[in-house]
Amino acid sequence: MSHSIPPLGCIGGGQMAEAFIRGLLTAQLLTPAQITVAEPDSSRCDYLTKTYGVQCTQDPGLLCSNSELLLVAVKPQVGIPVLEQYQPCIQQQHLVISIMAGISLASLTAALSGPVRLIRVMPNIAVLVLAGASAYCANVEATDEDRQSAAAILSSVGTCTEVEEHLLDAVTGLSGSGPGYVLTFIEAMIDGGVLAGLPRSVAEQLALQTVYGSARLALTTGEHPAVLKAQVTSPGGTTISGVQVLEQGGLRGMVMAAIKTAADRSRELGA
């Protein structure tokens, strides 16, 4: 993506912020000199500076003066008090991008005491390996250029799509919580391989590559998963026998229910 990114200030320097820093630098959308991080942990600051060459500070004024984009990457439990500290320093030129789960655009606006250009993002943990699935929404003050900036940043750590804010809870249930479901399934595959007689290390290698390869196959071909599944389920064969067991156990219904339950919980937490 060729969209130009203005200087970035990260409010919080944890793992998620680091993933975005690494993604932006890898994609050459920003240079280290264009990134400032506000992080209270001095050892963490030293690590980020030595590893990525970015500037660290504990001064909200310095962070805001160095930046036009502000990425809010702190835990939701402390997000509002932290934003209130930054409110006096946020000016008209700033675009605020929040990756805090459950904090609505309305709550962000209230914490910043007035109309501010805002983007709210629901990423997932796979941004840590630049393979995240993120969705975002914008408030009415945000411009098309702001949306392009958000899309460029999120694309540096995976894929992204824009949705209406009321859909972000469903996004949380699907892609936000999704790695937990997939990793549970992978763990079950490994145990199944061990049950069938494979050494655990072999079962782990095969299970991980199988899930990765299956996802890549679907992404690369663009075929619906049902079509690809049909290609490997021969009449009376091994795969259809295994699929029958999954269907008898209610795998589809369980996965659907898990996503719906997680989405409902996200709504409860954001209320």
C-alpha atoms as a PDB file:
ATOM      1  CA  MET A   1       0.000   0.000   0.000  1.00  0.00           C
ATOM      2  CA  SER A   2       1.489   3.303  -1.128  1.00  0.00           C
ATOM      3  CA  HIS A   3      -0.444   5.609   1.198  1.00  0.00           C
ATOM      4  CA  SER A   4       1.888   7.977   3.061  1.00  0.00           C
ATOM      5  CA  ILE A   5       1.843   7.605   6.844  1.00  0.00           C
ATOM      6  CA  PRO A   6       2.470  10.644   9.071  1.00  0.00           C
ATOM      7  CA  PRO A   7       4.678  10.331  12.191  1.00  0.00           C
ATOM      8  CA  LEU A   8       3.342   7.871  14.763  1.00  0.00           C
ATOM      9  CA  GLY A   9       3.141   8.066  18.522  1.00  0.00           C
ATOM     10  CA  CYS A  10       2.430   4.840  20.426  1.00  0.00           C
ATOM     11  CA  ILE A  11       0.709   5.277  23.763  1.00  0.00           C
ATOM     12  CA  GLY A  12       1.954   2.075  25.355  1.00  0.00           C
ATOM     13  CA  GLY A  13       4.960   0.017  24.346  1.00  0.00           C
ATOM     14  CA  GLY A  14       3.827  -3.548  24.951  1.00  0.00           C
ATOM     15  CA  GLN A  15       3.728  -6.524  22.594  1.00  0.00           C
ATOM     16  CA  MET A  16       0.911  -5.204  20.427  1.00  0.00           C
ATOM     17  CA  ALA A  17       2.554  -1.806  19.979  1.00  0.00           C
ATOM     18  CA  GLU A  18       5.817  -3.556  19.154  1.00  0.00           C
ATOM     19  CA  ALA A  19       4.061  -5.610  16.480  1.00  0.00           C
ATOM     20  CA  PHE A  20       2.812  -2.446  14.786  1.00  0.00           C
ATOM     21  CA  ILE A  21       6.240  -0.836  15.024  1.00  0.00           C
ATOM     22  CA  ARG A  22       7.848  -3.900  13.457  1.00  0.00           C
ATOM     23  CA  GLY A  23       5.196  -4.068  10.739  1.00  0.00           C
ATOM     24  CA  LEU A  24       5.506  -0.411   9.784  1.00  0.00           C
ATOM     25  CA  LEU A  25       9.295  -0.569   9.687  1.00  0.00           C
ATOM     26  CA  THR A  26       9.281  -3.836   7.729  1.00  0.00           C
ATOM     27  CA  ALA A  27       6.867  -2.351   5.180  1.00  0.00           C
ATOM     28  CA  GLN A  28       9.028   0.804   5.097  1.00  0.00           C
ATOM     29  CA  LEU A  29       5.980   2.962   5.747  1.00  0.00           C
ATOM     30  CA  LEU A  30       7.859   4.793   8.508  1.00  0.00           C
ATOM     31  CA  THR A  31      11.446   5.198   9.654  1.00  0.00           C
ATOM     32  CA  PRO A  32      12.523   4.769  13.293  1.00  0.00           C
ATOM     33  CA  ALA A  33      12.905   8.552  13.549  1.00  0.00           C
ATOM     34  CA  GLN A  34       9.187   8.938  12.771  1.00  0.00           C
ATOM     35  CA  ILE A  35       8.048   6.760  15.687  1.00  0.00           C
ATOM     36  CA  THR A  36       7.825   7.845  19.322  1.00  0.00           C
ATOM     37  CA  VAL A  37       6.680   5.540  22.124  1.00  0.00           C
ATOM     38  CA  ALA A  38       5.292   6.508  25.522  1.00  0.00           C
ATOM     39  CA  GLU A  39       6.133   3.680  27.914  1.00  0.00           C
ATOM     40  CA  PRO A  40       6.554   3.942  31.711  1.00  0.00           C
ATOM     41  CA  ASP A  41       8.758   0.838  32.016  1.00  0.00           C
ATOM     42  CA  SER A  42      12.366   2.012  31.512  1.00  0.00           C
ATOM     43  CA  SER A  43      13.641  -1.471  30.675  1.00  0.00           C
ATOM     44  CA  ARG A  44      10.970  -1.811  28.018  1.00  0.00           C
ATOM     45  CA  CYS A  45      11.970   1.588  26.634  1.00  0.00           C
ATOM     46  CA  ASP A  46      15.592   0.492  26.439  1.00  0.00           C
ATOM     47  CA  TYR A  47      14.566  -2.655  24.572  1.00  0.00           C
ATOM     48  CA  LEU A  48      12.440  -0.800  22.016  1.00  0.00           C
ATOM     49  CA  THR A  49      15.120   1.816  21.434  1.00  0.00           C
ATOM     50  CA  LYS A  50      17.901  -0.740  21.001  1.00  0.00           C
ATOM     51  CA  THR A  51      15.831  -3.107  18.870  1.00  0.00           C
ATOM     52  CA  TYR A  52      14.017  -0.671  16.589  1.00  0.00           C
ATOM     53  CA  GLY A  53      15.772   2.681  16.990  1.00  0.00           C
ATOM     54  CA  VAL A  54      12.586   4.475  18.050  1.00  0.00           C
ATOM     55  CA  GLN A  55      12.448   7.295  20.580  1.00  0.00           C
ATOM     56  CA  CYS A  56      10.822   6.633  23.963  1.00  0.00           C
ATOM     57  CA  THR A  57       9.385   9.154  26.391  1.00  0.00           C
ATOM     58  CA  GLN A  58       7.112   9.435  29.400  1.00  0.00           C
ATOM     59  CA  ASP A  59       6.007  12.964  28.446  1.00  0.00           C
ATOM     60  CA  PRO A  60       2.545  13.185  26.782  1.00  0.00           C
ATOM     61  CA  GLY A  61       3.391  16.604  25.386  1.00  0.00           C
ATOM     62  CA  LEU A  62       6.541  15.371  23.662  1.00  0.00           C
ATOM     63  CA  LEU A  63       4.781  12.338  22.206  1.00  0.00           C
ATOM     64  CA  CYS A  64       1.969  14.465  20.784  1.00  0.00           C
ATOM     65  CA  SER A  65       4.282  17.150  19.417  1.00  0.00           C
ATOM     66  CA  ASN A  66       6.323  14.482  17.610  1.00  0.00           C
ATOM     67  CA  SER A  67       3.288  12.715  16.134  1.00  0.00           C
ATOM     68  CA  GLU A  68       0.193  13.144  14.019  1.00  0.00           C
ATOM     69  CA  LEU A  69      -1.063   9.589  14.468  1.00  0.00           C
ATOM     70  CA  LEU A  70      -1.604   8.364  18.025  1.00  0.00           C
ATOM     71  CA  LEU A  71      -1.907   4.588  18.478  1.00  0.00           C
ATOM     72  CA  VAL A  72      -3.524   3.801  21.832  1.00  0.00           C
ATOM     73  CA  ALA A  73      -2.122   0.391  22.792  1.00  0.00           C
ATOM     74  CA  VAL A  74      -2.706   0.091  26.527  1.00  0.00           C
ATOM     75  CA  LYS A  75      -4.922  -2.320  28.442  1.00  0.00           C
ATOM     76  CA  PRO A  76      -8.622  -1.363  28.318  1.00  0.00           C
ATOM     77  CA  GLN A  77      -8.812  -1.284  32.119  1.00  0.00           C
ATOM     78  CA  VAL A  78      -6.479   1.733  32.229  1.00  0.00           C
ATOM     79  CA  GLY A  79      -7.278   3.184  28.816  1.00  0.00           C
ATOM     80  CA  ILE A  80      -9.661   5.954  29.802  1.00  0.00           C
ATOM     81  CA  PRO A  81      -7.471   7.394  32.622  1.00  0.00           C
ATOM     82  CA  VAL A  82      -4.456   7.278  30.291  1.00  0.00           C
ATOM     83  CA  LEU A  83      -6.319   9.096  27.522  1.00  0.00           C
ATOM     84  CA  GLU A  84      -7.452  11.754  29.974  1.00  0.00           C
ATOM     85  CA  GLN A  85      -3.775  12.495  30.651  1.00  0.00           C
ATOM     86  CA  TYR A  86      -3.214  13.018  26.916  1.00  0.00           C
ATOM     87  CA  GLN A  87      -6.372  15.028  26.281  1.00  0.00           C
ATOM     88  CA  PRO A  88      -4.784  18.489  26.844  1.00  0.00           C
ATOM     89  CA  CYS A  89      -2.045  17.655  24.308  1.00  0.00           C
ATOM     90  CA  ILE A  90      -4.218  16.294  21.498  1.00  0.00           C
ATOM     91  CA  GLN A  91      -4.773  18.885  18.789  1.00  0.00           C
ATOM     92  CA  GLN A  92      -6.738  19.171  15.557  1.00  0.00           C
ATOM     93  CA  GLN A  93      -3.983  17.521  13.498  1.00  0.00           C
ATOM     94  CA  HIS A  94      -4.062  14.308  15.519  1.00  0.00           C
ATOM     95  CA  LEU A  95      -5.774  11.102  14.451  1.00  0.00           C
ATOM     96  CA  VAL A  96      -6.326   8.738  17.397  1.00  0.00           C
ATOM     97  CA  ILE A  97      -6.340   5.000  16.622  1.00  0.00           C
ATOM     98  CA  SER A  98      -7.400   2.758  19.504  1.00  0.00           C
ATOM     99  CA  ILE A  99      -6.781  -0.987  19.653  1.00  0.00           C
ATOM    100  CA  MET A 100      -8.318  -1.262  23.142  1.00  0.00           C
ATOM    101  CA  ALA A 101     -10.963  -3.981  23.179  1.00  0.00           C
ATOM    102  CA  GLY A 102     -14.436  -2.950  24.280  1.00  0.00           C
ATOM    103  CA  ILE A 103     -13.843   0.819  24.463  1.00  0.00           C
ATOM    104  CA  SER A 104     -16.436   2.435  22.191  1.00  0.00           C
ATOM    105  CA  LEU A 105     -16.006   5.494  20.007  1.00  0.00           C
ATOM    106  CA  ALA A 106     -18.397   7.326  22.321  1.00  0.00           C
ATOM    107  CA  SER A 107     -16.285   6.486  25.389  1.00  0.00           C
ATOM    108  CA  LEU A 108     -13.112   7.536  23.594  1.00  0.00           C
ATOM    109  CA  THR A 109     -14.722  10.836  22.586  1.00  0.00           C
ATOM    110  CA  ALA A 110     -15.839  11.479  26.164  1.00  0.00           C
ATOM    111  CA  ALA A 111     -12.358  10.755  27.522  1.00  0.00           C
ATOM    112  CA  LEU A 112     -10.875  13.218  25.046  1.00  0.00           C
ATOM    113  CA  SER A 113     -13.487  15.865  25.937  1.00  0.00           C
ATOM    114  CA  GLY A 114     -14.776  16.645  22.506  1.00  0.00           C
ATOM    115  CA  PRO A 115     -14.834  15.796  18.808  1.00  0.00           C
ATOM    116  CA  VAL A 116     -11.583  14.128  17.775  1.00  0.00           C
ATOM    117  CA  ARG A 117     -10.804  12.108  14.651  1.00  0.00           C
ATOM    118  CA  LEU A 118     -11.043   8.515  15.864  1.00  0.00           C
ATOM    119  CA  ILE A 119     -10.481   5.035  14.489  1.00  0.00           C
ATOM    120  CA  ARG A 120     -11.360   2.020  16.641  1.00  0.00           C
ATOM    121  CA  VAL A 121      -9.656  -1.274  15.793  1.00  0.00           C
ATOM    122  CA  MET A 122     -10.209  -4.905  16.776  1.00  0.00           C
ATOM    123  CA  PRO A 123      -6.966  -6.736  15.911  1.00  0.00           C
ATOM    124  CA  ASN A 124      -5.987 -10.240  16.974  1.00  0.00           C
ATOM    125  CA  ILE A 125      -2.854 -11.729  18.465  1.00  0.00           C
ATOM    126  CA  ALA A 126      -1.530 -12.858  15.083  1.00  0.00           C
ATOM    127  CA  VAL A 127      -0.349  -9.274  14.477  1.00  0.00           C
ATOM    128  CA  LEU A 128       2.639 -10.396  16.561  1.00  0.00           C
ATOM    129  CA  VAL A 129       3.810 -12.370  13.518  1.00  0.00           C
ATOM    130  CA  LEU A 130       2.481  -9.802  11.005  1.00  0.00           C
ATOM    131  CA  ALA A 131      -0.420 -12.112  10.094  1.00  0.00           C
ATOM    132  CA  GLY A 132      -3.274 -10.474  11.963  1.00  0.00           C
ATOM    133  CA  ALA A 133      -6.917 -10.231  10.963  1.00  0.00           C
ATOM    134  CA  SER A 134      -8.178  -6.782  11.977  1.00  0.00           C
ATOM    135  CA  ALA A 135     -11.377  -4.820  11.548  1.00  0.00           C
ATOM    136  CA  TYR A 136     -11.857  -1.113  12.164  1.00  0.00           C
ATOM    137  CA  CYS A 137     -14.497   1.581  12.283  1.00  0.00           C
ATOM    138  CA  ALA A 138     -14.292   5.369  12.215  1.00  0.00           C
ATOM    139  CA  ASN A 139     -16.245   8.197  13.773  1.00  0.00           C
ATOM    140  CA  VAL A 140     -17.895  10.948  11.732  1.00  0.00           C
ATOM    141  CA  GLU A 141     -14.933  13.300  12.212  1.00  0.00           C
ATOM    142  CA  ALA A 142     -12.505  10.875  10.573  1.00  0.00           C
ATOM    143  CA  THR A 143     -11.702  11.595   6.928  1.00  0.00           C
ATOM    144  CA  ASP A 144     -11.171   9.269   3.988  1.00  0.00           C
ATOM    145  CA  GLU A 145      -7.450   9.945   4.354  1.00  0.00           C
ATOM    146  CA  ASP A 146      -7.674   8.866   8.001  1.00  0.00           C
ATOM    147  CA  ARG A 147      -9.272   5.593   6.918  1.00  0.00           C
ATOM    148  CA  GLN A 148      -6.519   5.073   4.371  1.00  0.00           C
ATOM    149  CA  SER A 149      -3.891   5.666   7.064  1.00  0.00           C
ATOM    150  CA  ALA A 150      -5.570   3.156   9.363  1.00  0.00           C
ATOM    151  CA  ALA A 151      -5.817   0.600   6.561  1.00  0.00           C
ATOM    152  CA  ALA A 152      -2.135   1.070   5.693  1.00  0.00           C
ATOM    153  CA  ILE A 153      -1.066   0.591   9.317  1.00  0.00           C
ATOM    154  CA  LEU A 154      -3.233  -2.501   9.784  1.00  0.00           C
ATOM    155  CA  SER A 155      -2.145  -3.971   6.454  1.00  0.00           C
ATOM    156  CA  SER A 156       1.465  -3.813   7.665  1.00  0.00           C
ATOM    157  CA  VAL A 157       0.589  -6.418  10.320  1.00  0.00           C
ATOM    158  CA  GLY A 158      -1.841  -8.575   8.334  1.00  0.00           C
ATOM    159  CA  THR A 159      -5.185  -7.947   6.671  1.00  0.00           C
ATOM    160  CA  CYS A 160      -7.974  -5.528   7.558  1.00  0.00           C
ATOM    161  CA  THR A 161     -11.523  -4.592   6.715  1.00  0.00           C
ATOM    162  CA  GLU A 162     -13.752  -1.646   7.641  1.00  0.00           C
ATOM    163  CA  VAL A 163     -17.066  -2.375   9.392  1.00  0.00           C
ATOM    164  CA  GLU A 164     -19.776  -0.480  11.234  1.00  0.00           C
ATOM    165  CA  GLU A 165     -19.038  -0.136  14.951  1.00  0.00           C
ATOM    166  CA  HIS A 166     -21.963  -2.324  15.994  1.00  0.00           C
ATOM    167  CA  LEU A 167     -20.283  -5.248  14.195  1.00  0.00           C
ATOM    168  CA  LEU A 168     -17.050  -5.074  16.188  1.00  0.00           C
ATOM    169  CA  ASP A 169     -18.428  -7.369  18.900  1.00  0.00           C
ATOM    170  CA  ALA A 170     -19.049 -10.008  16.233  1.00  0.00           C
ATOM    171  CA  VAL A 171     -15.530  -9.392  14.930  1.00  0.00           C
ATOM    172  CA  THR A 172     -14.255  -9.963  18.480  1.00  0.00           C
ATOM    173  CA  GLY A 173     -16.120 -13.266  18.679  1.00  0.00           C
ATOM    174  CA  LEU A 174     -14.794 -14.452  15.319  1.00  0.00           C
ATOM    175  CA  SER A 175     -11.282 -13.169  14.599  1.00  0.00           C
ATOM    176  CA  GLY A 176     -10.421 -11.535  17.920  1.00  0.00           C
ATOM    177  CA  SER A 177     -11.066 -14.703  19.913  1.00  0.00           C
ATOM    178  CA  GLY A 178     -10.569 -16.995  16.921  1.00  0.00           C
ATOM    179  CA  PRO A 179      -6.907 -17.848  17.556  1.00  0.00           C
ATOM    180  CA  GLY A 180      -8.001 -19.432  20.823  1.00  0.00           C
ATOM    181  CA  TYR A 181     -10.418 -21.745  18.995  1.00  0.00           C
ATOM    182  CA  VAL A 182      -7.906 -22.638  16.290  1.00  0.00           C
ATOM    183  CA  LEU A 183      -5.136 -23.341  18.790  1.00  0.00           C
ATOM    184  CA  THR A 184      -7.518 -25.566  20.770  1.00  0.00           C
ATOM    185  CA  PHE A 185      -8.286 -27.474  17.575  1.00  0.00           C
ATOM    186  CA  ILE A 186      -4.575 -27.784  16.779  1.00  0.00           C
ATOM    187  CA  GLU A 187      -3.914 -29.120  20.267  1.00  0.00           C
ATOM    188  CA  ALA A 188      -6.673 -31.690  19.766  1.00  0.00           C
ATOM    189  CA  MET A 189      -5.170 -32.707  16.418  1.00  0.00           C
ATOM    190  CA  ILE A 190      -1.798 -33.225  18.077  1.00  0.00           C
ATOM    191  CA  ASP A 191      -3.347 -35.374  20.795  1.00  0.00           C
ATOM    192  CA  GLY A 192      -5.226 -37.309  18.110  1.00  0.00           C
ATOM    193  CA  GLY A 193      -1.972 -37.994  16.313  1.00  0.00           C
ATOM    194  CA  VAL A 194      -0.426 -39.231  19.550  1.00  0.00           C
ATOM    195  CA  LEU A 195      -3.477 -41.428  20.170  1.00  0.00           C
ATOM    196  CA  ALA A 196      -2.999 -42.898  16.697  1.00  0.00           C
ATOM    197  CA  GLY A 197       0.644 -43.724  17.531  1.00  0.00           C
ATOM    198  CA  LEU A 198       2.729 -40.751  16.368  1.00  0.00           C
ATOM    199  CA  PRO A 199       5.518 -39.288  18.499  1.00  0.00           C
ATOM    200  CA  ARG A 200       4.269 -35.983  19.932  1.00  0.00           C
ATOM    201  CA  SER A 201       6.926 -33.910  18.156  1.00  0.00           C
ATOM    202  CA  VAL A 202       5.930 -35.415  14.795  1.00  0.00           C
ATOM    203  CA  ALA A 203       2.231 -34.933  15.511  1.00  0.00           C
ATOM    204  CA  GLU A 204       2.837 -31.293  16.428  1.00  0.00           C
ATOM    205  CA  GLN A 205       4.805 -30.572  13.265  1.00  0.00           C
ATOM    206  CA  LEU A 206       2.210 -32.223  11.040  1.00  0.00           C
ATOM    207  CA  ALA A 207      -0.768 -30.584  12.753  1.00  0.00           C
ATOM    208  CA  LEU A 208       0.686 -27.071  12.584  1.00  0.00           C
ATOM    209  CA  GLN A 209       1.653 -27.391   8.932  1.00  0.00           C
ATOM    210  CA  THR A 210      -1.710 -28.935   8.043  1.00  0.00           C
ATOM    211  CA  VAL A 211      -3.675 -26.030   9.535  1.00  0.00           C
ATOM    212  CA  TYR A 212      -1.321 -23.472   8.011  1.00  0.00           C
ATOM    213  CA  GLY A 213      -1.415 -25.176   4.613  1.00  0.00           C
ATOM    214  CA  SER A 214      -5.200 -25.504   4.630  1.00  0.00           C
ATOM    215  CA  ALA A 215      -5.671 -21.800   5.367  1.00  0.00           C
ATOM    216  CA  ARG A 216      -3.112 -20.845   2.739  1.00  0.00           C
ATOM    217  CA  LEU A 217      -4.809 -23.110   0.188  1.00  0.00           C
ATOM    218  CA  ALA A 218      -8.163 -21.406   0.779  1.00  0.00           C
ATOM    219  CA  LEU A 219      -6.643 -17.931   0.672  1.00  0.00           C
ATOM    220  CA  THR A 220      -4.569 -18.617  -2.439  1.00  0.00           C
ATOM    221  CA  THR A 221      -7.232 -20.353  -4.520  1.00  0.00           C
ATOM    222  CA  GLY A 222     -10.159 -18.220  -3.367  1.00  0.00           C
ATOM    223  CA  GLU A 223     -12.310 -21.351  -3.370  1.00  0.00           C
ATOM    224  CA  HIS A 224     -14.998 -21.801  -0.734  1.00  0.00           C
ATOM    225  CA  PRO A 225     -13.819 -24.157   2.050  1.00  0.00           C
ATOM    226  CA  ALA A 226     -16.687 -26.509   1.238  1.00  0.00           C
ATOM    227  CA  VAL A 227     -15.407 -26.883  -2.341  1.00  0.00           C
ATOM    228  CA  LEU A 228     -11.868 -27.623  -1.173  1.00  0.00           C
ATOM    229  CA  LYS A 229     -13.157 -30.085   1.414  1.00  0.00           C
ATOM    230  CA  ALA A 230     -15.073 -31.929  -1.290  1.00  0.00           C
ATOM    231  CA  GLN A 231     -11.822 -32.364  -3.215  1.00  0.00           C
ATOM    232  CA  VAL A 232     -10.261 -34.382  -0.379  1.00  0.00           C
ATOM    233  CA  THR A 233     -13.279 -36.416   0.737  1.00  0.00           C
ATOM    234  CA  SER A 234     -13.239 -39.468  -1.524  1.00  0.00           C
ATOM    235  CA  PRO A 235     -16.247 -41.820  -1.443  1.00  0.00           C
ATOM    236  CA  GLY A 236     -15.829 -44.284   1.399  1.00  0.00           C
ATOM    237  CA  GLY A 237     -12.387 -42.865   2.173  1.00  0.00           C
ATOM    238  CA  THR A 238     -10.505 -41.918   5.316  1.00  0.00           C
ATOM    239  CA  THR A 239     -11.321 -38.196   5.295  1.00  0.00           C
ATOM    240  CA  ILE A 240     -15.095 -38.576   4.992  1.00  0.00           C
ATOM    241  CA  SER A 241     -14.972 -41.128   7.815  1.00  0.00           C
ATOM    242  CA  GLY A 242     -13.222 -38.594  10.032  1.00  0.00           C
ATOM    243  CA  VAL A 243     -15.562 -35.781   8.968  1.00  0.00           C
ATOM    244  CA  GLN A 244     -18.540 -37.970   9.921  1.00  0.00           C
ATOM    245  CA  VAL A 245     -17.196 -38.199  13.477  1.00  0.00           C
ATOM    246  CA  LEU A 246     -16.795 -34.405  13.647  1.00  0.00           C
ATOM    247  CA  GLU A 247     -20.363 -33.950  12.411  1.00  0.00           C
ATOM    248  CA  GLN A 248     -21.702 -36.468  14.910  1.00  0.00           C
ATOM    249  CA  GLY A 249     -19.900 -34.581  17.669  1.00  0.00           C
ATOM    250  CA  GLY A 250     -21.469 -31.311  16.593  1.00  0.00           C
ATOM    251  CA  LEU A 251     -18.239 -29.511  15.648  1.00  0.00           C
ATOM    252  CA  ARG A 252     -19.961 -26.942  13.420  1.00  0.00           C
ATOM    253  CA  GLY A 253     -22.585 -26.085  15.992  1.00  0.00           C
ATOM    254  CA  MET A 254     -20.005 -25.857  18.762  1.00  0.00           C
ATOM    255  CA  VAL A 255     -17.816 -23.460  16.768  1.00  0.00           C
ATOM    256  CA  MET A 256     -20.789 -21.293  15.834  1.00  0.00           C
ATOM    257  CA  ALA A 257     -21.966 -21.235  19.444  1.00  0.00           C
ATOM    258  CA  ALA A 258     -18.466 -20.333  20.670  1.00  0.00           C
ATOM    259  CA  ILE A 259     -18.289 -17.339  18.312  1.00  0.00           C
ATOM    260  CA  LYS A 260     -21.785 -16.172  19.279  1.00  0.00           C
ATOM    261  CA  THR A 261     -21.018 -16.557  22.999  1.00  0.00           C
ATOM    262  CA  ALA A 262     -17.762 -14.633  22.699  1.00  0.00           C
ATOM    263  CA  ALA A 263     -19.525 -11.871  20.735  1.00  0.00           C
ATOM    264  CA  ASP A 264     -22.234 -11.638  23.394  1.00  0.00           C
ATOM    265  CA  ARG A 265     -19.576 -11.449  26.109  1.00  0.00           C
ATOM    266  CA  SER A 266     -17.833  -8.663  24.225  1.00  0.00           C
ATOM    267  CA  ARG A 267     -21.100  -6.695  24.213  1.00  0.00           C
ATOM    268  CA  GLU A 268     -21.485  -7.247  27.959  1.00  0.00           C
ATOM    269  CA  LEU A 269     -17.949  -6.045  28.677  1.00  0.00           C
ATOM    270  CA  GLY A 270     -18.429  -2.955  26.525  1.00  0.00           C
ATOM    271  CA  ALA A 271     -21.755  -1.990  28.063  1.00  0.00           C
END
